[in-house]
Amino acid sequence: IRCNLSPSCSSLNFFQSLVEYEDHYELVHVNVCASCNRVLPTAHLLHLHLQEFHDSFFKVLAETQVAFECFVDECKKKSKTSNARIRHLIKTHGYPQDFDFRIV
């Protein structure tokens, strides 16, 4: 099975089974930012990415409001800064300190 969904896939990816292709699809073609083509691991992180990097209203809002949402979808905690969010993720959710928090 060959992936033809993007030019970069068609010549490089040949899959031995449907399961391999589905794994590839989930990893590469789901949760893609329409503005910059960045692939995020979850729909929630895609939402945060769109908001924090491509929404000019968010930039204004973040100057005066508690706006940085937790990476954990089920957690409703918002932080004043991205650094405060990082501290929350480490302390509350056990994220390792060397995690790439620039994921969004």
C-alpha atoms as a PDB file:
ATOM      1  CA  ILE A   1       0.000   0.000   0.000  1.00  0.00           C
ATOM      2  CA  ARG A   2       1.362   3.393  -0.963  1.00  0.00           C
ATOM      3  CA  CYS A   3       0.386   6.754   0.544  1.00  0.00           C
ATOM      4  CA  ASN A   4      -0.472   9.392  -2.058  1.00  0.00           C
ATOM      5  CA  LEU A   5      -1.923  12.036   0.262  1.00  0.00           C
ATOM      6  CA  SER A   6       1.036  14.382  -0.052  1.00  0.00           C
ATOM      7  CA  PRO A   7       3.985  14.659  -2.445  1.00  0.00           C
ATOM      8  CA  SER A   8       6.444  13.831   0.326  1.00  0.00           C
ATOM      9  CA  CYS A   9       4.645  10.564   1.086  1.00  0.00           C
ATOM     10  CA  SER A  10       4.100   9.060  -2.347  1.00  0.00           C
ATOM     11  CA  SER A  11       7.694   8.209  -3.179  1.00  0.00           C
ATOM     12  CA  LEU A  12       8.857   7.379   0.333  1.00  0.00           C
ATOM     13  CA  ASN A  13       6.162   5.362   2.027  1.00  0.00           C
ATOM     14  CA  PHE A  14       5.213   1.854   1.061  1.00  0.00           C
ATOM     15  CA  PHE A  15       3.304  -0.125   3.670  1.00  0.00           C
ATOM     16  CA  GLN A  16       3.122  -3.884   3.978  1.00  0.00           C
ATOM     17  CA  SER A  17      -0.292  -3.873   5.629  1.00  0.00           C
ATOM     18  CA  LEU A  18      -3.364  -1.764   6.191  1.00  0.00           C
ATOM     19  CA  VAL A  19      -2.426  -1.503   9.874  1.00  0.00           C
ATOM     20  CA  GLU A  20       0.964   0.019   8.940  1.00  0.00           C
ATOM     21  CA  TYR A  21      -0.770   2.489   6.617  1.00  0.00           C
ATOM     22  CA  GLU A  22      -3.325   3.427   9.297  1.00  0.00           C
ATOM     23  CA  ASP A  23      -0.510   4.030  11.798  1.00  0.00           C
ATOM     24  CA  HIS A  24       1.212   6.289   9.255  1.00  0.00           C
ATOM     25  CA  TYR A  25      -2.031   8.140   8.527  1.00  0.00           C
ATOM     26  CA  GLU A  26      -2.703   8.765  12.232  1.00  0.00           C
ATOM     27  CA  LEU A  27       0.846  10.013  12.752  1.00  0.00           C
ATOM     28  CA  VAL A  28       1.258  12.184   9.648  1.00  0.00           C
ATOM     29  CA  HIS A  29      -2.137  13.172   8.241  1.00  0.00           C
ATOM     30  CA  VAL A  30      -4.339  13.804  11.284  1.00  0.00           C
ATOM     31  CA  ASN A  31      -4.162  16.988  13.374  1.00  0.00           C
ATOM     32  CA  VAL A  32      -2.345  18.994  10.711  1.00  0.00           C
ATOM     33  CA  CYS A  33      -2.305  22.773  11.000  1.00  0.00           C
ATOM     34  CA  ALA A  34      -3.864  24.265   7.869  1.00  0.00           C
ATOM     35  CA  SER A  35      -1.783  27.425   8.296  1.00  0.00           C
ATOM     36  CA  CYS A  36       1.733  26.003   8.622  1.00  0.00           C
ATOM     37  CA  ASN A  37       1.363  22.221   8.015  1.00  0.00           C
ATOM     38  CA  ARG A  38       2.733  21.352  11.438  1.00  0.00           C
ATOM     39  CA  VAL A  39       1.496  17.964  12.664  1.00  0.00           C
ATOM     40  CA  LEU A  40       0.385  17.797  16.290  1.00  0.00           C
ATOM     41  CA  PRO A  41      -0.103  14.540  18.210  1.00  0.00           C
ATOM     42  CA  THR A  42      -3.655  15.300  19.410  1.00  0.00           C
ATOM     43  CA  ALA A  43      -6.638  17.400  18.385  1.00  0.00           C
ATOM     44  CA  HIS A  44      -6.363  19.321  21.672  1.00  0.00           C
ATOM     45  CA  LEU A  45      -2.736  20.273  21.002  1.00  0.00           C
ATOM     46  CA  LEU A  46      -3.691  21.299  17.463  1.00  0.00           C
ATOM     47  CA  HIS A  47      -6.363  23.554  18.974  1.00  0.00           C
ATOM     48  CA  LEU A  48      -3.783  25.113  21.319  1.00  0.00           C
ATOM     49  CA  HIS A  49      -1.298  25.531  18.466  1.00  0.00           C
ATOM     50  CA  LEU A  50      -3.859  27.282  16.258  1.00  0.00           C
ATOM     51  CA  GLN A  51      -4.858  29.515  19.114  1.00  0.00           C
ATOM     52  CA  GLU A  52      -1.400  30.416  20.411  1.00  0.00           C
ATOM     53  CA  PHE A  53       0.444  30.746  17.102  1.00  0.00           C
ATOM     54  CA  HIS A  54      -2.104  31.777  14.500  1.00  0.00           C
ATOM     55  CA  ASP A  55      -4.806  33.682  16.386  1.00  0.00           C
ATOM     56  CA  SER A  56      -4.027  37.387  16.762  1.00  0.00           C
ATOM     57  CA  PHE A  57      -6.896  37.756  19.243  1.00  0.00           C
ATOM     58  CA  PHE A  58      -5.185  35.245  21.551  1.00  0.00           C
ATOM     59  CA  LYS A  59      -2.014  37.349  21.601  1.00  0.00           C
ATOM     60  CA  VAL A  60      -4.010  40.355  22.827  1.00  0.00           C
ATOM     61  CA  LEU A  61      -6.029  38.239  25.252  1.00  0.00           C
ATOM     62  CA  ALA A  62      -2.905  36.635  26.738  1.00  0.00           C
ATOM     63  CA  GLU A  63      -1.576  40.058  27.728  1.00  0.00           C
ATOM     64  CA  THR A  64      -4.424  40.589  30.199  1.00  0.00           C
ATOM     65  CA  GLN A  65      -6.118  37.217  30.794  1.00  0.00           C
ATOM     66  CA  VAL A  66      -5.227  33.766  32.063  1.00  0.00           C
ATOM     67  CA  ALA A  67      -5.132  32.158  28.631  1.00  0.00           C
ATOM     68  CA  PHE A  68      -2.592  29.315  28.358  1.00  0.00           C
ATOM     69  CA  GLU A  69      -4.556  26.051  28.555  1.00  0.00           C
ATOM     70  CA  CYS A  70      -3.112  22.835  29.955  1.00  0.00           C
ATOM     71  CA  PHE A  71      -1.827  20.291  27.417  1.00  0.00           C
ATOM     72  CA  VAL A  72      -3.944  17.601  29.113  1.00  0.00           C
ATOM     73  CA  ASP A  73      -7.351  17.760  27.443  1.00  0.00           C
ATOM     74  CA  GLU A  74      -9.276  16.705  30.561  1.00  0.00           C
ATOM     75  CA  CYS A  75      -7.588  19.350  32.743  1.00  0.00           C
ATOM     76  CA  LYS A  76      -9.275  22.739  32.662  1.00  0.00           C
ATOM     77  CA  LYS A  77      -6.389  24.657  34.292  1.00  0.00           C
ATOM     78  CA  LYS A  78      -5.339  27.854  32.526  1.00  0.00           C
ATOM     79  CA  SER A  79      -2.120  29.716  33.264  1.00  0.00           C
ATOM     80  CA  LYS A  80      -1.096  33.354  32.931  1.00  0.00           C
ATOM     81  CA  THR A  81       2.119  32.498  31.054  1.00  0.00           C
ATOM     82  CA  SER A  82       3.504  29.571  29.097  1.00  0.00           C
ATOM     83  CA  ASN A  83       6.168  29.141  31.822  1.00  0.00           C
ATOM     84  CA  ALA A  84       3.452  28.858  34.474  1.00  0.00           C
ATOM     85  CA  ARG A  85       1.811  26.199  32.299  1.00  0.00           C
ATOM     86  CA  ILE A  86       5.100  24.302  32.146  1.00  0.00           C
ATOM     87  CA  ARG A  87       5.381  24.347  35.944  1.00  0.00           C
ATOM     88  CA  HIS A  88       1.784  23.064  36.166  1.00  0.00           C
ATOM     89  CA  LEU A  89       2.472  20.249  33.684  1.00  0.00           C
ATOM     90  CA  ILE A  90       5.551  19.122  35.612  1.00  0.00           C
ATOM     91  CA  LYS A  91       4.054  19.400  39.097  1.00  0.00           C
ATOM     92  CA  THR A  92       0.479  18.243  38.444  1.00  0.00           C
ATOM     93  CA  HIS A  93       0.767  15.857  35.508  1.00  0.00           C
ATOM     94  CA  GLY A  94       4.304  14.534  35.993  1.00  0.00           C
ATOM     95  CA  TYR A  95       5.741  15.783  32.706  1.00  0.00           C
ATOM     96  CA  PRO A  96       9.531  15.361  32.646  1.00  0.00           C
ATOM     97  CA  GLN A  97      11.495  18.602  32.933  1.00  0.00           C
ATOM     98  CA  ASP A  98      13.260  17.879  29.637  1.00  0.00           C
ATOM     99  CA  PHE A  99       9.963  17.511  27.715  1.00  0.00           C
ATOM    100  CA  ASP A 100       9.797  19.716  24.600  1.00  0.00           C
ATOM    101  CA  PHE A 101       7.149  22.129  25.837  1.00  0.00           C
ATOM    102  CA  ARG A 102       7.358  24.013  22.530  1.00  0.00           C
ATOM    103  CA  ILE A 103       5.210  21.226  21.086  1.00  0.00           C
ATOM    104  CA  VAL A 104       2.346  23.611  20.405  1.00  0.00           C
END
